Amino acid sequence: MNPMRLPTWLRIALVAGVFLLVAGAGFLGYRWYTKPTTLTVAVGSLDGEASRLVTAIARKLTQLNAPVRFNMVETGSVLDAATAFASGKVDLAVVRGDVGDLSQAQAVVVVAHAVALLIAPPGSPISDIAGLKRVTVGVVGGDINRQVVKELSDEYDLARANVVFKNLAPAEVRKALETKEVRAILIVMPLAEKYLTLIRNLFPQNAKTSPVLIPIEQAGAIAARDRAYESYDVPKGTLRGAPPVPAEDLTTLRTSFYLVAQKKLSNDLVTDLTQSVMNARRDLLTEQPILAQVTAPDTDADAHLPVHPGAAAFYNGTQESFLDKWGNIIFLAPMIAGGLVSVLAAAWQFLRADGPQTREQALDALYALGRRIRVSGSEAELDEIELEIDRILQTQRLKAAAGEDETRDVTALNVAAHRLENLIHDRRLVLAPQQGGKTREQVRG
């Protein structure tokens, strides 16, 4: 349809509708791009501390308006969290490096380090692992410490020594020690004040008696065999300062808790996740001192848990810069802007379709009418064409009267109009026999 035939209000409505559509699409695109991504994270621990820690981080991510948010899925233990992660039910999980199926896991951050402590009650004659012969050892959280027990049994041949390991819930430990149901305990925990206080409260507190920490001298050999562990020296006086317990640095095993991500998560998303978690850590250190243990994982290619490429980009400082991400858009922006200018110009012309035409536009319109005259099939159509010619000439004569066009331009238009009148006359003569009527000139004669 010729835009000249549309009412002005309709043309304005059409253009406004198009621009509202484009603006709405742009707004929705912006909202979609800036909307935070919510990731599900499986968390579980015997004492609920891991859940409280992740809840605090999740709350801080919201306060910081971070691009990544957490939806926490509570599980009973780190083993259950690893199982949920391995099944693909969650995007992230807090796991321990020696527990569960972590074949699809890639490390984001080290949440905490957990140290294996073999402890005998005060006055015990047991001072080394050889002294555990024919002894029952209580294992706190036996289900999640099976691998530690296996490594100790294999390294020291504890089965031959008739060492029995008995699973204990945290609430059962004190009674088992008092009744001598177990002669030592094995516990794997972070060296944080909360957990050290828990150990101290299991044993009588006085200056003359203190629990006995049993070293794992072959920790280095175990770590060489199983990359989930490392040899670690517990600093002198960690459990008690005066007299110090242990009396000297004590060799034992250490493993780590990780926040892990599925391999399928995009690098950019995990980069944002890593940066957001580290920012939250910085702000929460005062109220959550254990977060001081949150560090970067091993980024070496042969690490026990490979680091996610998105996390590695953050730690190595190789994340994409602004120009890397937006360089193409910046390059294309001038071309896009040029296209928008063209669209705006076309819209402006569309809106001004009823405005006065230039001489060239008027001549073009007259020439177009010549083609319509030659194919017209009725007197009514020819009458309409004559009215259009009159409108064009009237507009151009008004412009000439206002001094906007030269006289010779109006003359050219009159010549073209005269030629069209001749064409109309000839076309009426052709149509008269076909319609069985008289032409207007015959009637006038």
Protein backbone atom coordinates (compact mmCIF):
# COMPACT_ATOMS: atom_id res chain seq x y z
CA MET A 1 0.00 0.00 0.00
CA ASN A 2 1.24 3.49 -0.83
CA PRO A 3 2.02 5.34 2.44
CA MET A 4 0.52 8.52 0.91
CA ARG A 5 -2.89 6.87 1.17
CA LEU A 6 -2.57 6.10 4.92
CA PRO A 7 -3.94 8.61 7.43
CA THR A 8 -1.29 10.51 9.36
CA TRP A 9 -2.48 9.13 12.72
CA LEU A 10 -2.13 5.57 11.44
CA ARG A 11 1.40 6.16 10.18
CA ILE A 12 2.37 7.66 13.57
CA ALA A 13 0.84 4.68 15.37
CA LEU A 14 2.71 2.21 13.15
CA VAL A 15 6.09 3.89 13.66
CA ALA A 16 5.50 4.25 17.41
CA GLY A 17 4.55 0.59 17.60
CA VAL A 18 7.73 -0.49 15.82
CA PHE A 19 9.95 1.60 18.11
CA LEU A 20 8.14 0.40 21.22
CA LEU A 21 8.66 -3.17 20.06
CA VAL A 22 12.37 -2.60 19.48
CA ALA A 23 12.78 -0.78 22.82
CA GLY A 24 10.89 -3.53 24.64
CA ALA A 25 13.04 -6.21 23.07
CA GLY A 26 16.17 -4.30 24.04
CA PHE A 27 14.98 -3.89 27.63
CA LEU A 28 14.10 -7.56 27.96
CA GLY A 29 17.49 -8.49 26.49
CA TYR A 30 19.26 -6.26 29.00
CA ARG A 31 17.27 -7.72 31.91
CA TRP A 32 18.04 -11.25 30.73
CA TYR A 33 21.76 -10.49 30.40
CA THR A 34 22.07 -8.86 33.84
CA LYS A 35 19.83 -11.33 35.69
CA PRO A 36 21.83 -13.26 38.34
CA THR A 37 22.39 -16.95 37.67
CA THR A 38 21.19 -19.22 40.48
CA LEU A 39 23.22 -22.39 41.02
CA THR A 40 22.16 -25.32 43.19
CA VAL A 41 24.80 -26.40 45.73
CA ALA A 42 24.70 -29.63 47.77
CA VAL A 43 26.02 -29.24 51.32
CA GLY A 44 26.21 -31.66 54.21
CA SER A 45 28.26 -32.21 57.39
CA LEU A 46 27.99 -34.09 60.66
CA ASP A 47 27.66 -30.94 62.74
CA GLY A 48 25.88 -28.68 60.22
CA GLU A 49 28.79 -26.22 60.13
CA ALA A 50 29.20 -26.48 56.34
CA SER A 51 25.53 -25.60 55.82
CA ARG A 52 25.82 -22.55 58.07
CA LEU A 53 28.93 -21.43 56.22
CA VAL A 54 27.34 -21.74 52.77
CA THR A 55 24.19 -20.00 54.03
CA ALA A 56 26.32 -17.04 55.16
CA ILE A 57 28.06 -16.91 51.79
CA ALA A 58 24.73 -17.12 49.93
CA ARG A 59 23.36 -14.24 52.00
CA LYS A 60 26.45 -12.15 51.29
CA LEU A 61 26.21 -12.85 47.53
CA THR A 62 22.71 -11.38 47.60
CA GLN A 63 23.86 -8.34 49.56
CA LEU A 64 26.71 -7.74 47.10
CA ASN A 65 24.31 -8.08 44.15
CA ALA A 66 26.67 -10.71 42.76
CA PRO A 67 26.03 -12.16 39.28
CA VAL A 68 25.79 -15.65 40.83
CA ARG A 69 23.45 -16.80 43.64
CA PHE A 70 23.17 -20.05 45.64
CA ASN A 71 20.20 -22.33 46.11
CA MET A 72 21.37 -24.66 48.87
CA VAL A 73 20.36 -28.34 48.93
CA GLU A 74 20.86 -29.84 52.39
CA THR A 75 22.33 -33.36 52.57
CA GLY A 76 23.23 -35.49 55.56
CA SER A 77 26.99 -35.59 55.03
CA VAL A 78 29.77 -34.81 52.56
CA LEU A 79 29.28 -38.33 51.19
CA ASP A 80 25.63 -37.56 50.42
CA ALA A 81 26.68 -34.24 48.86
CA ALA A 82 29.19 -36.04 46.64
CA THR A 83 26.52 -38.58 45.65
CA ALA A 84 24.05 -35.83 44.69
CA PHE A 85 26.78 -34.10 42.68
CA ALA A 86 27.82 -37.29 40.87
CA SER A 87 24.20 -37.92 39.86
CA GLY A 88 24.04 -34.48 38.21
CA LYS A 89 21.21 -33.26 40.46
CA VAL A 90 23.13 -30.14 41.52
CA ASP A 91 25.50 -27.67 39.87
CA LEU A 92 27.89 -27.35 42.81
CA ALA A 93 28.76 -29.24 45.96
CA VAL A 94 30.95 -28.92 49.04
CA VAL A 95 32.88 -32.22 49.10
CA ARG A 96 35.94 -33.72 50.73
CA GLY A 97 38.72 -34.74 48.40
CA ASP A 98 38.80 -38.36 49.60
CA VAL A 99 35.05 -39.02 49.77
CA GLY A 100 32.67 -40.15 47.02
CA ASP A 101 32.76 -40.16 43.23
CA LEU A 102 34.40 -36.93 42.09
CA SER A 103 35.15 -37.93 38.50
CA GLN A 104 32.96 -35.12 37.13
CA ALA A 105 34.10 -32.55 39.68
CA GLN A 106 36.29 -29.55 38.98
CA ALA A 107 37.55 -27.44 41.86
CA VAL A 108 36.46 -23.84 42.35
CA VAL A 109 37.86 -23.03 45.81
CA VAL A 110 39.35 -24.89 48.75
CA VAL A 111 36.80 -24.35 51.52
CA ALA A 112 38.85 -25.78 54.39
CA HIS A 113 41.62 -28.24 55.24
CA ALA A 114 40.83 -31.28 57.41
CA VAL A 115 43.54 -32.95 59.51
CA ALA A 116 43.48 -36.60 60.60
CA LEU A 117 44.09 -36.85 64.36
CA LEU A 118 44.71 -40.12 66.19
CA ILE A 119 44.16 -39.36 69.89
CA ALA A 120 44.52 -41.52 72.98
CA PRO A 121 43.15 -40.44 76.38
CA PRO A 122 45.44 -38.98 79.06
CA GLY A 123 47.71 -41.57 80.70
CA SER A 124 47.48 -43.96 77.76
CA PRO A 125 50.64 -45.98 77.06
CA ILE A 126 49.97 -45.67 73.33
CA SER A 127 52.42 -43.25 71.74
CA ASP A 128 52.64 -44.51 68.16
CA ILE A 129 50.66 -46.58 65.68
CA ALA A 130 52.56 -49.71 66.61
CA GLY A 131 51.01 -49.36 70.07
CA LEU A 132 47.52 -49.84 68.58
CA LYS A 133 48.03 -53.61 68.35
CA ARG A 134 44.86 -55.44 69.46
CA VAL A 135 43.21 -52.10 70.25
CA THR A 136 39.75 -50.83 69.24
CA VAL A 137 39.89 -47.39 67.64
CA GLY A 138 36.75 -45.27 67.47
CA VAL A 139 36.27 -43.54 64.12
CA VAL A 140 34.17 -40.37 64.33
CA GLY A 141 32.01 -40.31 61.20
CA GLY A 142 33.06 -43.76 60.06
CA ASP A 143 31.17 -43.69 56.76
CA ILE A 144 33.06 -40.65 55.49
CA ASN A 145 36.44 -41.77 56.86
CA ARG A 146 36.58 -45.21 55.28
CA GLN A 147 39.35 -44.17 52.91
CA VAL A 148 41.50 -42.82 55.75
CA VAL A 149 41.06 -46.09 57.64
CA LYS A 150 41.93 -48.08 54.52
CA GLU A 151 45.10 -46.08 53.88
CA LEU A 152 46.27 -46.47 57.49
CA SER A 153 45.45 -50.19 57.48
CA ASP A 154 47.31 -50.78 54.23
CA GLU A 155 50.36 -48.73 55.18
CA TYR A 156 50.77 -50.15 58.69
CA ASP A 157 49.21 -53.60 58.12
CA LEU A 158 46.76 -52.98 60.95
CA ALA A 159 44.63 -55.98 60.06
CA ARG A 160 47.56 -58.26 60.96
CA ALA A 161 47.95 -56.29 64.20
CA ASN A 162 44.27 -57.04 65.02
CA VAL A 163 43.36 -53.36 65.18
CA VAL A 164 39.57 -52.93 65.17
CA PHE A 165 37.92 -49.74 63.90
CA LYS A 166 34.51 -48.91 65.35
CA ASN A 167 32.24 -46.22 63.90
CA LEU A 168 31.10 -43.59 66.39
CA ALA A 169 28.68 -40.68 66.18
CA PRO A 170 30.09 -37.44 67.64
CA ALA A 171 27.74 -37.71 70.63
CA GLU A 172 29.00 -41.23 71.45
CA VAL A 173 32.71 -40.45 71.67
CA ARG A 174 33.00 -39.27 75.27
CA LYS A 175 31.09 -42.22 76.70
CA ALA A 176 33.05 -44.72 74.57
CA LEU A 177 36.32 -43.32 75.93
CA GLU A 178 35.13 -43.28 79.55
CA THR A 179 33.94 -46.90 79.40
CA LYS A 180 37.12 -47.93 77.58
CA GLU A 181 34.98 -49.30 74.74
CA VAL A 182 37.63 -47.69 72.55
CA ARG A 183 41.25 -46.92 73.53
CA ALA A 184 41.81 -44.21 70.93
CA ILE A 185 39.83 -42.17 68.46
CA LEU A 186 40.39 -41.13 64.86
CA ILE A 187 38.83 -37.84 63.84
CA VAL A 188 39.29 -35.78 60.66
CA MET A 189 38.54 -32.09 61.20
CA PRO A 190 39.70 -28.56 60.39
CA LEU A 191 42.16 -27.06 62.87
CA ALA A 192 39.69 -24.32 63.78
CA GLU A 193 39.01 -23.18 67.33
CA LYS A 194 35.51 -24.62 67.35
CA TYR A 195 36.77 -28.15 66.63
CA LEU A 196 39.82 -27.88 68.90
CA THR A 197 37.48 -26.95 71.76
CA LEU A 198 35.38 -30.03 70.94
CA ILE A 199 38.50 -32.25 71.31
CA ARG A 200 39.55 -30.60 74.58
CA ASN A 201 36.09 -31.20 76.07
CA LEU A 202 36.37 -34.94 75.42
CA PHE A 203 39.14 -35.32 78.01
CA PRO A 204 39.76 -34.22 81.60
CA GLN A 205 41.22 -30.73 81.82
CA ASN A 206 44.18 -30.24 84.19
CA ALA A 207 47.83 -29.24 83.96
CA LYS A 208 49.23 -32.72 84.73
CA THR A 209 47.23 -34.77 82.25
CA SER A 210 46.68 -34.25 78.57
CA PRO A 211 45.52 -36.37 75.62
CA VAL A 212 48.12 -38.17 73.57
CA LEU A 213 48.38 -37.28 69.89
CA ILE A 214 49.68 -40.21 67.85
CA PRO A 215 51.80 -39.30 64.82
CA ILE A 216 51.30 -40.82 61.38
CA GLU A 217 54.93 -40.95 60.40
CA GLN A 218 54.25 -42.57 57.02
CA ALA A 219 51.94 -39.75 55.92
CA GLY A 220 54.33 -38.88 53.09
CA ALA A 221 54.17 -42.42 51.68
CA ILE A 222 50.37 -42.43 51.89
CA ALA A 223 50.19 -39.04 50.15
CA ALA A 224 52.46 -40.26 47.36
CA ARG A 225 50.08 -43.16 46.78
CA ASP A 226 46.81 -41.25 47.10
CA ARG A 227 46.76 -37.64 45.86
CA ALA A 228 43.69 -36.89 47.99
CA TYR A 229 46.06 -36.57 50.97
CA GLU A 230 49.18 -34.67 51.87
CA SER A 231 51.65 -34.93 54.68
CA TYR A 232 51.10 -32.20 57.25
CA ASP A 233 52.80 -31.15 60.48
CA VAL A 234 50.43 -30.09 63.24
CA PRO A 235 52.15 -27.11 64.93
CA LYS A 236 53.45 -27.49 68.47
CA GLY A 237 50.88 -26.43 71.08
CA THR A 238 47.90 -26.57 68.71
CA LEU A 239 45.66 -28.43 71.17
CA ARG A 240 47.00 -26.81 74.33
CA GLY A 241 49.64 -24.18 74.95
CA ALA A 242 51.01 -24.89 78.48
CA PRO A 243 52.23 -27.50 78.62
CA PRO A 244 52.12 -27.69 74.82
CA VAL A 245 50.10 -30.41 73.14
CA PRO A 246 51.59 -31.68 70.96
CA ALA A 247 54.99 -31.12 72.54
CA GLU A 248 56.58 -30.86 69.09
CA ASP A 249 55.31 -30.53 65.53
CA LEU A 250 53.36 -33.72 64.78
CA THR A 251 53.28 -35.43 61.37
CA THR A 252 49.88 -36.57 60.16
CA LEU A 253 47.59 -36.63 57.10
CA ARG A 254 45.62 -33.73 55.71
CA THR A 255 42.87 -33.60 53.10
CA SER A 256 40.72 -30.71 51.86
CA PHE A 257 37.11 -29.68 51.49
CA TYR A 258 36.34 -28.17 48.08
CA LEU A 259 33.57 -26.25 46.43
CA VAL A 260 33.35 -28.14 43.13
CA ALA A 261 31.48 -27.37 39.91
CA GLN A 262 30.14 -29.53 37.12
CA LYS A 263 32.36 -29.60 34.03
CA LYS A 264 29.43 -28.45 31.88
CA LEU A 265 29.23 -25.03 33.54
CA SER A 266 30.57 -22.29 31.28
CA ASN A 267 33.96 -20.73 31.97
CA ASP A 268 32.54 -17.20 32.24
CA LEU A 269 29.93 -18.35 34.76
CA VAL A 270 32.51 -20.09 36.96
CA THR A 271 34.83 -17.09 36.73
CA ASP A 272 31.99 -14.92 38.07
CA LEU A 273 31.26 -17.57 40.72
CA THR A 274 34.88 -17.69 41.89
CA GLN A 275 35.24 -13.92 42.07
CA SER A 276 31.92 -13.59 43.92
CA VAL A 277 32.84 -16.25 46.51
CA MET A 278 36.24 -14.67 47.15
CA ASN A 279 34.61 -11.24 47.59
CA ALA A 280 32.10 -12.73 50.02
CA ARG A 281 34.97 -14.43 51.93
CA ARG A 282 36.71 -11.08 52.36
CA ASP A 283 33.59 -9.48 53.83
CA LEU A 284 32.73 -12.43 56.11
CA LEU A 285 36.13 -13.09 57.69
CA THR A 286 35.32 -11.19 60.87
CA GLU A 287 32.16 -13.15 61.68
CA GLN A 288 33.32 -16.46 60.15
CA PRO A 289 37.04 -16.91 60.99
CA ILE A 290 37.11 -20.38 59.46
CA LEU A 291 36.82 -18.68 56.07
CA ALA A 292 40.49 -17.78 56.44
CA GLN A 293 41.08 -21.33 55.13
CA VAL A 294 39.26 -20.56 51.87
CA THR A 295 42.02 -20.48 49.27
CA ALA A 296 42.72 -21.21 45.63
CA PRO A 297 42.94 -24.91 44.72
CA ASP A 298 45.99 -26.48 43.11
CA THR A 299 46.04 -25.24 39.50
CA ASP A 300 48.67 -27.75 38.32
CA ALA A 301 47.63 -30.08 35.53
CA ASP A 302 48.23 -33.16 37.73
CA ALA A 303 46.25 -31.90 40.72
CA HIS A 304 44.06 -34.44 42.53
CA LEU A 305 40.98 -32.40 41.61
CA PRO A 306 41.49 -30.44 38.38
CA VAL A 307 40.58 -26.80 38.71
CA HIS A 308 37.69 -25.57 36.57
CA PRO A 309 39.01 -23.48 33.62
CA GLY A 310 36.78 -20.58 34.68
CA ALA A 311 38.24 -20.62 38.20
CA ALA A 312 41.77 -20.98 36.82
CA ALA A 313 41.21 -17.88 34.66
CA PHE A 314 40.37 -15.90 37.81
CA TYR A 315 43.34 -17.16 39.82
CA ASN A 316 45.79 -16.75 36.94
CA GLY A 317 44.44 -13.31 36.00
CA THR A 318 43.64 -14.47 32.47
CA GLN A 319 39.92 -13.74 32.47
CA GLU A 320 38.76 -11.91 29.38
CA SER A 321 39.09 -8.14 29.49
CA PHE A 322 36.33 -5.72 28.54
CA LEU A 323 37.71 -5.40 25.01
CA ASP A 324 38.05 -9.18 24.67
CA LYS A 325 34.38 -9.64 25.51
CA TRP A 326 32.92 -6.59 23.77
CA GLY A 327 35.46 -5.80 21.03
CA ASN A 328 33.28 -7.20 18.26
CA ILE A 329 30.24 -5.28 19.48
CA ILE A 330 32.27 -2.07 19.72
CA PHE A 331 33.46 -2.65 16.16
CA LEU A 332 29.94 -3.33 14.91
CA ALA A 333 28.30 -0.53 16.90
CA PRO A 334 28.99 2.24 14.30
CA MET A 335 27.49 0.09 11.56
CA ILE A 336 24.49 -0.71 13.71
CA ALA A 337 24.11 2.98 14.54
CA GLY A 338 24.28 3.83 10.82
CA GLY A 339 21.55 1.32 10.14
CA LEU A 340 19.39 2.81 12.89
CA VAL A 341 19.91 6.28 11.44
CA SER A 342 18.71 4.99 8.07
CA VAL A 343 15.66 3.45 9.72
CA LEU A 344 14.93 6.71 11.52
CA ALA A 345 15.28 8.63 8.28
CA ALA A 346 12.89 6.25 6.55
CA ALA A 347 10.45 6.59 9.43
CA TRP A 348 10.68 10.38 9.21
CA GLN A 349 9.98 10.27 5.50
CA PHE A 350 7.10 7.92 6.18
CA LEU A 351 5.62 10.31 8.72
CA ARG A 352 6.04 13.27 6.35
CA ALA A 353 4.43 11.49 3.42
CA ASP A 354 1.67 14.12 3.30
CA GLY A 355 4.17 16.99 3.24
CA PRO A 356 4.98 19.05 0.14
CA GLN A 357 7.02 17.18 -2.45
CA THR A 358 10.14 18.50 -4.11
CA ARG A 359 10.08 19.18 -7.84
CA GLU A 360 11.89 15.90 -8.50
CA GLN A 361 9.41 13.97 -6.34
CA ALA A 362 6.47 15.66 -8.08
CA LEU A 363 7.84 14.79 -11.53
CA ASP A 364 8.43 11.20 -10.42
CA ALA A 365 4.87 11.01 -9.17
CA LEU A 366 3.55 12.36 -12.50
CA TYR A 367 5.64 9.87 -14.49
CA ALA A 368 4.26 7.05 -12.33
CA LEU A 369 0.72 8.21 -13.13
CA GLY A 370 1.47 7.78 -16.83
CA ARG A 371 1.95 4.05 -16.29
CA ARG A 372 -1.29 3.86 -14.34
CA ILE A 373 -3.18 5.66 -17.12
CA ARG A 374 -2.08 3.17 -19.76
CA VAL A 375 -3.38 0.21 -17.77
CA SER A 376 -6.48 1.82 -16.25
CA GLY A 377 -9.73 -0.01 -16.89
CA SER A 378 -12.49 2.39 -15.92
CA GLU A 379 -13.66 5.99 -16.06
CA ALA A 380 -13.63 6.14 -12.24
CA GLU A 381 -9.94 5.27 -12.11
CA LEU A 382 -9.13 7.95 -14.69
CA ASP A 383 -11.11 10.49 -12.65
CA GLU A 384 -9.06 9.61 -9.58
CA ILE A 385 -5.82 10.06 -11.53
CA GLU A 386 -6.96 13.49 -12.68
CA LEU A 387 -7.59 14.48 -9.06
CA GLU A 388 -4.07 13.36 -8.11
CA ILE A 389 -2.61 15.45 -10.95
CA ASP A 390 -4.56 18.46 -9.70
CA ARG A 391 -3.29 17.98 -6.14
CA ILE A 392 0.33 17.72 -7.26
CA LEU A 393 0.11 20.84 -9.44
CA GLN A 394 -1.67 22.81 -6.73
CA THR A 395 0.99 21.99 -4.18
CA GLN A 396 3.83 22.94 -6.49
CA ARG A 397 2.13 26.24 -7.49
CA LEU A 398 1.80 27.15 -3.80
CA LYS A 399 5.49 26.49 -3.31
CA ALA A 400 6.33 28.60 -6.34
CA ALA A 401 4.20 31.43 -4.97
CA ALA A 402 6.15 31.23 -1.70
CA GLY A 403 9.42 31.47 -3.64
CA GLU A 404 10.51 27.91 -2.82
CA ASP A 405 10.81 26.78 -6.46
CA GLU A 406 11.80 28.52 -9.61
CA THR A 407 9.25 29.28 -12.33
CA ARG A 408 10.94 26.96 -14.83
CA ASP A 409 10.35 24.07 -12.43
CA VAL A 410 6.62 24.76 -12.38
CA THR A 411 6.64 24.99 -16.19
CA ALA A 412 8.20 21.53 -16.41
CA LEU A 413 5.50 20.16 -14.17
CA ASN A 414 2.76 21.79 -16.28
CA VAL A 415 4.20 20.25 -19.45
CA ALA A 416 4.21 16.81 -17.81
CA ALA A 417 0.65 17.31 -16.57
CA HIS A 418 -0.50 18.38 -20.04
CA ARG A 419 0.97 15.22 -21.50
CA LEU A 420 -0.89 13.17 -18.92
CA GLU A 421 -4.17 14.90 -19.80
CA ASN A 422 -3.64 13.84 -23.41
CA LEU A 423 -2.99 10.28 -22.27
CA ILE A 424 -6.20 10.34 -20.23
CA HIS A 425 -8.14 11.63 -23.21
CA ASP A 426 -6.73 8.87 -25.44
CA ARG A 427 -7.43 6.24 -22.81
CA ARG A 428 -11.07 7.36 -22.52
CA LEU A 429 -11.48 6.94 -26.25
CA VAL A 430 -10.19 3.40 -25.95
CA LEU A 431 -12.45 2.57 -23.00
CA ALA A 432 -15.65 4.10 -24.46
CA PRO A 433 -16.47 1.24 -26.92
CA GLN A 434 -15.59 -1.36 -24.27
CA GLN A 435 -18.00 0.15 -21.73
CA GLY A 436 -20.78 0.86 -24.26
CA GLY A 437 -21.00 4.47 -23.24
CA LYS A 438 -19.95 7.87 -24.37
CA THR A 439 -16.82 9.64 -23.42
CA ARG A 440 -17.02 12.87 -21.48
CA GLU A 441 -15.91 14.86 -24.58
CA GLN A 442 -18.65 13.28 -26.73
CA VAL A 443 -21.25 14.22 -24.16
CA ARG A 444 -19.90 17.77 -24.05
CA GLY A 445 -20.06 17.96 -27.88
